[in-house]
């Protein structure tokens, strides 16, 4: 229940935090925080993935394509890395 919805308050809060200091990049674990960071800031994002299938949905593939200049993906295991590569074959290795 906590991860449903648009999360406007989380976006607003993160935007304020990012403005308060001189951050160079943002590290976010799992897809929803990555998405929130992309809306709240203009910082480069390192997305850490722990699970299989995060990029099976078309909407997430489109998101990754649109964010490819700002988004780096980091998998916690070789198996998760291989799953991301399977889902996003054009993603830089």
PDB file of N, CA and C in Angstrom:
ATOM      1  N   UNK A   1       0.817  -1.188   0.000  1.00  0.00           N
ATOM      2  CA  UNK A   1       0.000   0.000   0.000  1.00  0.00           C
ATOM      3  C   UNK A   1       0.866   1.260   0.000  1.00  0.00           C
ATOM      4  N   UNK A   2       1.982   1.222   0.667  1.00  0.00           N
ATOM      5  CA  UNK A   2       2.844   2.391   0.740  1.00  0.00           C
ATOM      6  C   UNK A   2       3.489   2.751  -0.591  1.00  0.00           C
ATOM      7  N   UNK A   3       3.583   1.785  -1.517  1.00  0.00           N
ATOM      8  CA  UNK A   3       4.257   2.078  -2.772  1.00  0.00           C
ATOM      9  C   UNK A   3       3.289   2.414  -3.903  1.00  0.00           C
ATOM     10  N   UNK A   4       1.999   2.450  -3.621  1.00  0.00           N
ATOM     11  CA  UNK A   4       1.015   2.776  -4.654  1.00  0.00           C
ATOM     12  C   UNK A   4       0.886   4.276  -4.828  1.00  0.00           C
ATOM     13  N   UNK A   5       0.458   4.659  -6.025  1.00  0.00           N
ATOM     14  CA  UNK A   5       0.135   6.056  -6.272  1.00  0.00           C
ATOM     15  C   UNK A   5       1.309   6.863  -6.793  1.00  0.00           C
ATOM     16  N   UNK A   6       1.024   8.118  -7.030  1.00  0.00           N
ATOM     17  CA  UNK A   6       1.974   9.031  -7.658  1.00  0.00           C
ATOM     18  C   UNK A   6       3.079   9.490  -6.724  1.00  0.00           C
ATOM     19  N   UNK A   7       2.834   9.528  -5.423  1.00  0.00           N
ATOM     20  CA  UNK A   7       3.834   9.908  -4.425  1.00  0.00           C
ATOM     21  C   UNK A   7       4.275  11.364  -4.568  1.00  0.00           C
ATOM     22  N   UNK A   8       3.306  12.263  -4.664  1.00  0.00           N
ATOM     23  CA  UNK A   8       3.618  13.685  -4.798  1.00  0.00           C
ATOM     24  C   UNK A   8       4.395  14.212  -3.604  1.00  0.00           C
ATOM     25  N   UNK A   9       4.060  13.758  -2.407  1.00  0.00           N
ATOM     26  CA  UNK A   9       4.790  14.219  -1.224  1.00  0.00           C
ATOM     27  C   UNK A   9       6.241  13.755  -1.276  1.00  0.00           C
ATOM     28  N   UNK A  10       6.483  12.527  -1.690  1.00  0.00           N
ATOM     29  CA  UNK A  10       7.854  12.020  -1.800  1.00  0.00           C
ATOM     30  C   UNK A  10       8.639  12.805  -2.844  1.00  0.00           C
ATOM     31  N   UNK A  11       7.995  13.132  -3.956  1.00  0.00           N
ATOM     32  CA  UNK A  11       8.643  13.927  -4.998  1.00  0.00           C
ATOM     33  C   UNK A  11       8.986  15.310  -4.455  1.00  0.00           C
ATOM     34  N   UNK A  12       8.044  15.923  -3.780  1.00  0.00           N
ATOM     35  CA  UNK A  12       8.253  17.256  -3.198  1.00  0.00           C
ATOM     36  C   UNK A  12       9.364  17.231  -2.146  1.00  0.00           C
ATOM     37  N   UNK A  13       9.333  16.242  -1.273  1.00  0.00           N
ATOM     38  CA  UNK A  13      10.352  16.131  -0.223  1.00  0.00           C
ATOM     39  C   UNK A  13      11.745  15.917  -0.815  1.00  0.00           C
ATOM     40  N   UNK A  14      11.853  15.035  -1.791  1.00  0.00           N
ATOM     41  CA  UNK A  14      13.152  14.783  -2.413  1.00  0.00           C
ATOM     42  C   UNK A  14      13.653  16.018  -3.145  1.00  0.00           C
ATOM     43  N   UNK A  15      12.758  16.736  -3.796  1.00  0.00           N
ATOM     44  CA  UNK A  15      13.146  17.970  -4.485  1.00  0.00           C
ATOM     45  C   UNK A  15      13.747  18.973  -3.501  1.00  0.00           C
ATOM     46  N   UNK A  16      13.131  19.107  -2.337  1.00  0.00           N
ATOM     47  CA  UNK A  16      13.647  20.022  -1.306  1.00  0.00           C
ATOM     48  C   UNK A  16      15.013  19.568  -0.791  1.00  0.00           C
ATOM     49  N   UNK A  17      15.166  18.285  -0.559  1.00  0.00           N
ATOM     50  CA  UNK A  17      16.457  17.761  -0.102  1.00  0.00           C
ATOM     51  C   UNK A  17      17.535  18.020  -1.152  1.00  0.00           C
ATOM     52  N   UNK A  18      17.225  17.755  -2.410  1.00  0.00           N
ATOM     53  CA  UNK A  18      18.201  17.946  -3.486  1.00  0.00           C
ATOM     54  C   UNK A  18      18.596  19.410  -3.632  1.00  0.00           C
ATOM     55  N   UNK A  19      17.665  20.313  -3.421  1.00  0.00           N
ATOM     56  CA  UNK A  19      17.965  21.748  -3.515  1.00  0.00           C
ATOM     57  C   UNK A  19      18.789  22.252  -2.337  1.00  0.00           C
ATOM     58  N   UNK A  20      18.691  21.568  -1.211  1.00  0.00           N
ATOM     59  CA  UNK A  20      19.342  22.052   0.008  1.00  0.00           C
ATOM     60  C   UNK A  20      20.850  21.806   0.025  1.00  0.00           C
ATOM     61  N   UNK A  21      21.332  20.936  -0.844  1.00  0.00           N
ATOM     62  CA  UNK A  21      22.757  20.595  -0.862  1.00  0.00           C
ATOM     63  C   UNK A  21      23.245  20.444  -2.291  1.00  0.00           C
ATOM     64  N   UNK A  22      24.539  20.317  -2.422  1.00  0.00           N
ATOM     65  CA  UNK A  22      25.155  20.195  -3.743  1.00  0.00           C
ATOM     66  C   UNK A  22      25.404  18.721  -4.081  1.00  0.00           C
ATOM     67  N   UNK A  23      24.337  17.974  -4.321  1.00  0.00           N
ATOM     68  CA  UNK A  23      24.468  16.566  -4.675  1.00  0.00           C
ATOM     69  C   UNK A  23      24.924  16.431  -6.118  1.00  0.00           C
ATOM     70  N   UNK A  24      25.712  15.400  -6.389  1.00  0.00           N
ATOM     71  CA  UNK A  24      26.212  15.132  -7.745  1.00  0.00           C
ATOM     72  C   UNK A  24      25.401  14.052  -8.455  1.00  0.00           C
ATOM     73  N   UNK A  25      24.829  13.136  -7.688  1.00  0.00           N
ATOM     74  CA  UNK A  25      24.011  12.066  -8.257  1.00  0.00           C
ATOM     75  C   UNK A  25      23.111  11.502  -7.170  1.00  0.00           C
ATOM     76  N   UNK A  26      22.191  10.642  -7.585  1.00  0.00           N
ATOM     77  CA  UNK A  26      21.232  10.037  -6.662  1.00  0.00           C
ATOM     78  C   UNK A  26      21.301   8.516  -6.819  1.00  0.00           C
ATOM     79  N   UNK A  27      21.341   7.804  -5.705  1.00  0.00           N
ATOM     80  CA  UNK A  27      21.284   6.344  -5.719  1.00  0.00           C
ATOM     81  C   UNK A  27      19.903   5.937  -5.213  1.00  0.00           C
ATOM     82  N   UNK A  28      19.213   5.136  -6.004  1.00  0.00           N
ATOM     83  CA  UNK A  28      17.858   4.715  -5.631  1.00  0.00           C
ATOM     84  C   UNK A  28      17.735   3.204  -5.798  1.00  0.00           C
ATOM     85  N   UNK A  29      17.174   2.555  -4.797  1.00  0.00           N
ATOM     86  CA  UNK A  29      16.963   1.112  -4.831  1.00  0.00           C
ATOM     87  C   UNK A  29      15.525   0.830  -5.247  1.00  0.00           C
ATOM     88  N   UNK A  30      15.376  -0.007  -6.238  1.00  0.00           N
ATOM     89  CA  UNK A  30      14.096  -0.452  -6.786  1.00  0.00           C
ATOM     90  C   UNK A  30      13.504   0.604  -7.731  1.00  0.00           C
ATOM     91  N   UNK A  31      12.496   0.182  -8.497  1.00  0.00           N
ATOM     92  CA  UNK A  31      12.018   1.039  -9.581  1.00  0.00           C
ATOM     93  C   UNK A  31      11.292   2.295  -9.105  1.00  0.00           C
ATOM     94  N   UNK A  32      10.390   2.169  -8.139  1.00  0.00           N
ATOM     95  CA  UNK A  32       9.582   3.328  -7.724  1.00  0.00           C
ATOM     96  C   UNK A  32      10.458   4.489  -7.229  1.00  0.00           C
ATOM     97  N   UNK A  33      11.438   4.250  -6.371  1.00  0.00           N
ATOM     98  CA  UNK A  33      12.318   5.356  -5.976  1.00  0.00           C
ATOM     99  C   UNK A  33      13.121   5.939  -7.149  1.00  0.00           C
ATOM    100  N   UNK A  34      13.473   5.097  -8.118  1.00  0.00           N
ATOM    101  CA  UNK A  34      14.160   5.603  -9.308  1.00  0.00           C
ATOM    102  C   UNK A  34      13.240   6.558 -10.055  1.00  0.00           C
ATOM    103  N   UNK A  35      12.001   6.160 -10.205  1.00  0.00           N
ATOM    104  CA  UNK A  35      11.013   6.984 -10.897  1.00  0.00           C
ATOM    105  C   UNK A  35      10.794   8.303 -10.148  1.00  0.00           C
ATOM    106  N   UNK A  36      10.673   8.228  -8.836  1.00  0.00           N
ATOM    107  CA  UNK A  36      10.493   9.434  -8.019  1.00  0.00           C
ATOM    108  C   UNK A  36      11.701  10.356  -8.178  1.00  0.00           C
ATOM    109  N   UNK A  37      12.903   9.801  -8.121  1.00  0.00           N
ATOM    110  CA  UNK A  37      14.119  10.613  -8.274  1.00  0.00           C
ATOM    111  C   UNK A  37      14.171  11.274  -9.645  1.00  0.00           C
ATOM    112  N   UNK A  38      13.699  10.590 -10.668  1.00  0.00           N
ATOM    113  CA  UNK A  38      13.723  11.167 -12.018  1.00  0.00           C
ATOM    114  C   UNK A  38      12.769  12.349 -12.145  1.00  0.00           C
ATOM    115  N   UNK A  39      11.664  12.315 -11.418  1.00  0.00           N
ATOM    116  CA  UNK A  39      10.707  13.422 -11.453  1.00  0.00           C
ATOM    117  C   UNK A  39      11.113  14.564 -10.531  1.00  0.00           C
ATOM    118  N   UNK A  40      11.768  14.240  -9.431  1.00  0.00           N
ATOM    119  CA  UNK A  40      12.072  15.240  -8.408  1.00  0.00           C
ATOM    120  C   UNK A  40      13.351  16.014  -8.684  1.00  0.00           C
ATOM    121  N   UNK A  41      14.285  15.416  -9.418  1.00  0.00           N
ATOM    122  CA  UNK A  41      15.586  16.055  -9.613  1.00  0.00           C
ATOM    123  C   UNK A  41      16.016  15.967 -11.068  1.00  0.00           C
ATOM    124  N   UNK A  42      17.083  16.666 -11.356  1.00  0.00           N
ATOM    125  CA  UNK A  42      17.735  16.545 -12.666  1.00  0.00           C
ATOM    126  C   UNK A  42      19.079  15.839 -12.527  1.00  0.00           C
ATOM    127  N   UNK A  43      19.291  15.229 -11.384  1.00  0.00           N
ATOM    128  CA  UNK A  43      20.551  14.550 -11.099  1.00  0.00           C
ATOM    129  C   UNK A  43      20.674  13.250 -11.884  1.00  0.00           C
ATOM    130  N   UNK A  44      21.903  12.841 -12.187  1.00  0.00           N
ATOM    131  CA  UNK A  44      22.094  11.481 -12.694  1.00  0.00           C
ATOM    132  C   UNK A  44      21.654  10.491 -11.613  1.00  0.00           C
ATOM    133  N   UNK A  45      21.086   9.376 -12.035  1.00  0.00           N
ATOM    134  CA  UNK A  45      20.537   8.399 -11.094  1.00  0.00           C
ATOM    135  C   UNK A  45      21.223   7.051 -11.293  1.00  0.00           C
ATOM    136  N   UNK A  46      21.639   6.452 -10.189  1.00  0.00           N
ATOM    137  CA  UNK A  46      22.127   5.075 -10.198  1.00  0.00           C
ATOM    138  C   UNK A  46      20.991   4.234  -9.628  1.00  0.00           C
ATOM    139  N   UNK A  47      20.407   3.415 -10.474  1.00  0.00           N
ATOM    140  CA  UNK A  47      19.300   2.567 -10.049  1.00  0.00           C
ATOM    141  C   UNK A  47      19.799   1.186  -9.671  1.00  0.00           C
ATOM    142  N   UNK A  48      19.586   0.798  -8.430  1.00  0.00           N
ATOM    143  CA  UNK A  48      20.027  -0.505  -7.934  1.00  0.00           C
ATOM    144  C   UNK A  48      18.831  -1.460  -7.977  1.00  0.00           C
ATOM    145  N   UNK A  49      19.019  -2.583  -8.654  1.00  0.00           N
ATOM    146  CA  UNK A  49      17.924  -3.543  -8.820  1.00  0.00           C
ATOM    147  C   UNK A  49      18.235  -4.849  -8.108  1.00  0.00           C
ATOM    148  N   UNK A  50      17.238  -5.337  -7.379  1.00  0.00           N
ATOM    149  CA  UNK A  50      17.369  -6.537  -6.565  1.00  0.00           C
ATOM    150  C   UNK A  50      16.533  -7.699  -7.094  1.00  0.00           C
ATOM    151  N   UNK A  51      15.615  -7.445  -8.009  1.00  0.00           N
ATOM    152  CA  UNK A  51      14.629  -8.461  -8.388  1.00  0.00           C
ATOM    153  C   UNK A  51      14.594  -8.677  -9.899  1.00  0.00           C
ATOM    154  N   UNK A  52      14.042  -9.814 -10.270  1.00  0.00           N
ATOM    155  CA  UNK A  52      13.838 -10.133 -11.678  1.00  0.00           C
ATOM    156  C   UNK A  52      12.586  -9.424 -12.185  1.00  0.00           C
ATOM    157  N   UNK A  53      12.579  -9.121 -13.476  1.00  0.00           N
ATOM    158  CA  UNK A  53      11.381  -8.621 -14.124  1.00  0.00           C
ATOM    159  C   UNK A  53      11.090  -7.147 -13.950  1.00  0.00           C
ATOM    160  N   UNK A  54      12.025  -6.384 -13.413  1.00  0.00           N
ATOM    161  CA  UNK A  54      11.764  -4.955 -13.207  1.00  0.00           C
ATOM    162  C   UNK A  54      11.504  -4.217 -14.515  1.00  0.00           C
ATOM    163  N   UNK A  55      12.073  -4.684 -15.617  1.00  0.00           N
ATOM    164  CA  UNK A  55      11.907  -3.995 -16.893  1.00  0.00           C
ATOM    165  C   UNK A  55      11.167  -4.847 -17.919  1.00  0.00           C
ATOM    166  N   UNK A  56      10.272  -5.713 -17.472  1.00  0.00           N
ATOM    167  CA  UNK A  56       9.450  -6.491 -18.400  1.00  0.00           C
ATOM    168  C   UNK A  56       8.282  -5.669 -18.933  1.00  0.00           C
ATOM    169  N   UNK A  57       7.775  -4.746 -18.137  1.00  0.00           N
ATOM    170  CA  UNK A  57       6.632  -3.928 -18.564  1.00  0.00           C
ATOM    171  C   UNK A  57       7.073  -2.929 -19.638  1.00  0.00           C
ATOM    172  N   UNK A  58       6.210  -2.728 -20.624  1.00  0.00           N
ATOM    173  CA  UNK A  58       6.503  -1.785 -21.696  1.00  0.00           C
ATOM    174  C   UNK A  58       6.740  -0.381 -21.147  1.00  0.00           C
ATOM    175  N   UNK A  59       5.931   0.043 -20.185  1.00  0.00           N
ATOM    176  CA  UNK A  59       6.080   1.398 -19.643  1.00  0.00           C
ATOM    177  C   UNK A  59       7.456   1.598 -19.005  1.00  0.00           C
ATOM    178  N   UNK A  60       7.984   0.577 -18.377  1.00  0.00           N
ATOM    179  CA  UNK A  60       9.307   0.692 -17.753  1.00  0.00           C
ATOM    180  C   UNK A  60      10.416   0.657 -18.796  1.00  0.00           C
ATOM    181  N   UNK A  61      10.202  -0.083 -19.876  1.00  0.00           N
ATOM    182  CA  UNK A  61      11.171  -0.076 -20.977  1.00  0.00           C
ATOM    183  C   UNK A  61      11.227   1.305 -21.618  1.00  0.00           C
ATOM    184  N   UNK A  62      10.057   1.911 -21.813  1.00  0.00           N
ATOM    185  CA  UNK A  62       9.996   3.262 -22.379  1.00  0.00           C
ATOM    186  C   UNK A  62      10.670   4.252 -21.433  1.00  0.00           C
ATOM    187  N   UNK A  63      10.380   4.145 -20.145  1.00  0.00           N
ATOM    188  CA  UNK A  63      11.016   5.008 -19.147  1.00  0.00           C
ATOM    189  C   UNK A  63      12.536   4.894 -19.233  1.00  0.00           C
ATOM    190  N   UNK A  64      13.056   3.676 -19.260  1.00  0.00           N
ATOM    191  CA  UNK A  64      14.504   3.471 -19.326  1.00  0.00           C
ATOM    192  C   UNK A  64      15.080   4.095 -20.592  1.00  0.00           C
ATOM    193  N   UNK A  65      14.371   3.952 -21.700  1.00  0.00           N
ATOM    194  CA  UNK A  65      14.837   4.556 -22.943  1.00  0.00           C
ATOM    195  C   UNK A  65      14.887   6.072 -22.872  1.00  0.00           C
ATOM    196  N   UNK A  66      13.851   6.666 -22.286  1.00  0.00           N
ATOM    197  CA  UNK A  66      13.810   8.127 -22.159  1.00  0.00           C
ATOM    198  C   UNK A  66      14.849   8.652 -21.173  1.00  0.00           C
ATOM    199  N   UNK A  67      15.169   7.858 -20.171  1.00  0.00           N
ATOM    200  CA  UNK A  67      16.092   8.285 -19.115  1.00  0.00           C
ATOM    201  C   UNK A  67      17.522   7.794 -19.341  1.00  0.00           C
ATOM    202  N   UNK A  68      17.814   7.242 -20.495  1.00  0.00           N
ATOM    203  CA  UNK A  68      19.104   6.579 -20.701  1.00  0.00           C
ATOM    204  C   UNK A  68      20.309   7.493 -20.485  1.00  0.00           C
ATOM    205  N   UNK A  69      20.158   8.784 -20.702  1.00  0.00           N
ATOM    206  CA  UNK A  69      21.283   9.712 -20.490  1.00  0.00           C
ATOM    207  C   UNK A  69      21.548   9.956 -19.006  1.00  0.00           C
ATOM    208  N   UNK A  70      20.508   9.873 -18.174  1.00  0.00           N
ATOM    209  CA  UNK A  70      20.629  10.158 -16.736  1.00  0.00           C
ATOM    210  C   UNK A  70      20.653   8.923 -15.858  1.00  0.00           C
ATOM    211  N   UNK A  71      20.292   7.782 -16.403  1.00  0.00           N
ATOM    212  CA  UNK A  71      20.089   6.587 -15.591  1.00  0.00           C
ATOM    213  C   UNK A  71      21.169   5.545 -15.851  1.00  0.00           C
ATOM    214  N   UNK A  72      21.795   5.087 -14.786  1.00  0.00           N
ATOM    215  CA  UNK A  72      22.697   3.939 -14.831  1.00  0.00           C
ATOM    216  C   UNK A  72      22.044   2.834 -14.011  1.00  0.00           C
ATOM    217  N   UNK A  73      22.130   1.612 -14.508  1.00  0.00           N
ATOM    218  CA  UNK A  73      21.505   0.490 -13.809  1.00  0.00           C
ATOM    219  C   UNK A  73      22.575  -0.401 -13.196  1.00  0.00           C
ATOM    220  N   UNK A  74      22.348  -0.776 -11.956  1.00  0.00           N
ATOM    221  CA  UNK A  74      23.258  -1.643 -11.217  1.00  0.00           C
ATOM    222  C   UNK A  74      22.448  -2.808 -10.662  1.00  0.00           C
ATOM    223  N   UNK A  75      22.860  -4.019 -11.002  1.00  0.00           N
ATOM    224  CA  UNK A  75      22.171  -5.217 -10.510  1.00  0.00           C
ATOM    225  C   UNK A  75      22.954  -5.802  -9.344  1.00  0.00           C
ATOM    226  N   UNK A  76      22.242  -6.382  -8.388  1.00  0.00           N
ATOM    227  CA  UNK A  76      22.897  -6.936  -7.200  1.00  0.00           C
ATOM    228  C   UNK A  76      23.480  -8.324  -7.442  1.00  0.00           C
ATOM    229  N   UNK A  77      23.178  -8.920  -8.592  1.00  0.00           N
ATOM    230  CA  UNK A  77      23.724 -10.244  -8.900  1.00  0.00           C
ATOM    231  C   UNK A  77      23.854 -10.395 -10.409  1.00  0.00           C
ATOM    232  N   UNK A  78      24.633 -11.374 -10.822  1.00  0.00           N
ATOM    233  CA  UNK A  78      24.769 -11.654 -12.251  1.00  0.00           C
ATOM    234  C   UNK A  78      23.430 -12.054 -12.860  1.00  0.00           C
ATOM    235  N   UNK A  79      22.629 -12.795 -12.122  1.00  0.00           N
ATOM    236  CA  UNK A  79      21.333 -13.248 -12.633  1.00  0.00           C
ATOM    237  C   UNK A  79      20.392 -12.068 -12.876  1.00  0.00           C
ATOM    238  N   UNK A  80      20.353 -11.113 -11.959  1.00  0.00           N
ATOM    239  CA  UNK A  80      19.509  -9.924 -12.142  1.00  0.00           C
ATOM    240  C   UNK A  80      20.059  -9.089 -13.296  1.00  0.00           C
ATOM    241  N   UNK A  81      21.379  -8.980 -13.396  1.00  0.00           N
ATOM    242  CA  UNK A  81      21.998  -8.265 -14.518  1.00  0.00           C
ATOM    243  C   UNK A  81      21.577  -8.884 -15.848  1.00  0.00           C
ATOM    244  N   UNK A  82      21.629 -10.206 -15.937  1.00  0.00           N
ATOM    245  CA  UNK A  82      21.244 -10.893 -17.171  1.00  0.00           C
ATOM    246  C   UNK A  82      19.774 -10.655 -17.499  1.00  0.00           C
ATOM    247  N   UNK A  83      18.926 -10.607 -16.481  1.00  0.00           N
ATOM    248  CA  UNK A  83      17.507 -10.330 -16.685  1.00  0.00           C
ATOM    249  C   UNK A  83      17.304  -8.915 -17.225  1.00  0.00           C
ATOM    250  N   UNK A  84      18.021  -7.949 -16.686  1.00  0.00           N
ATOM    251  CA  UNK A  84      17.925  -6.567 -17.181  1.00  0.00           C
ATOM    252  C   UNK A  84      18.404  -6.506 -18.625  1.00  0.00           C
ATOM    253  N   UNK A  85      19.494  -7.170 -18.923  1.00  0.00           N
ATOM    254  CA  UNK A  85      20.008  -7.184 -20.301  1.00  0.00           C
ATOM    255  C   UNK A  85      19.020  -7.834 -21.263  1.00  0.00           C
ATOM    256  N   UNK A  86      18.329  -8.872 -20.795  1.00  0.00           N
ATOM    257  CA  UNK A  86      17.323  -9.533 -21.639  1.00  0.00           C
ATOM    258  C   UNK A  86      16.152  -8.592 -21.915  1.00  0.00           C
ATOM    259  N   UNK A  87      15.733  -7.858 -20.895  1.00  0.00           N
ATOM    260  CA  UNK A  87      14.591  -6.950 -21.035  1.00  0.00           C
ATOM    261  C   UNK A  87      14.951  -5.677 -21.801  1.00  0.00           C
ATOM    262  N   UNK A  88      16.194  -5.228 -21.668  1.00  0.00           N
ATOM    263  CA  UNK A  88      16.651  -3.987 -22.310  1.00  0.00           C
ATOM    264  C   UNK A  88      17.863  -4.290 -23.193  1.00  0.00           C
ATOM    265  N   UNK A  89      17.656  -4.962 -24.335  1.00  0.00           N
ATOM    266  CA  UNK A  89      18.799  -5.395 -25.147  1.00  0.00           C
ATOM    267  C   UNK A  89      19.641  -4.252 -25.709  1.00  0.00           C
ATOM    268  N   UNK A  90      19.070  -3.060 -25.862  1.00  0.00           N
ATOM    269  CA  UNK A  90      19.825  -1.920 -26.400  1.00  0.00           C
ATOM    270  C   UNK A  90      20.527  -1.114 -25.315  1.00  0.00           C
ATOM    271  N   UNK A  91      20.311  -1.496 -24.054  1.00  0.00           N
ATOM    272  CA  UNK A  91      20.928  -0.767 -22.939  1.00  0.00           C
ATOM    273  C   UNK A  91      22.441  -0.974 -22.979  1.00  0.00           C
ATOM    274  N   UNK A  92      23.216   0.101 -22.762  1.00  0.00           N
ATOM    275  CA  UNK A  92      24.679  -0.069 -22.776  1.00  0.00           C
ATOM    276  C   UNK A  92      25.148  -1.012 -21.665  1.00  0.00           C
ATOM    277  N   UNK A  93      26.063  -1.886 -22.001  1.00  0.00           N
ATOM    278  CA  UNK A  93      26.562  -2.884 -21.027  1.00  0.00           C
ATOM    279  C   UNK A  93      27.482  -2.261 -19.999  1.00  0.00           C
TER     280      UNK A  93
END
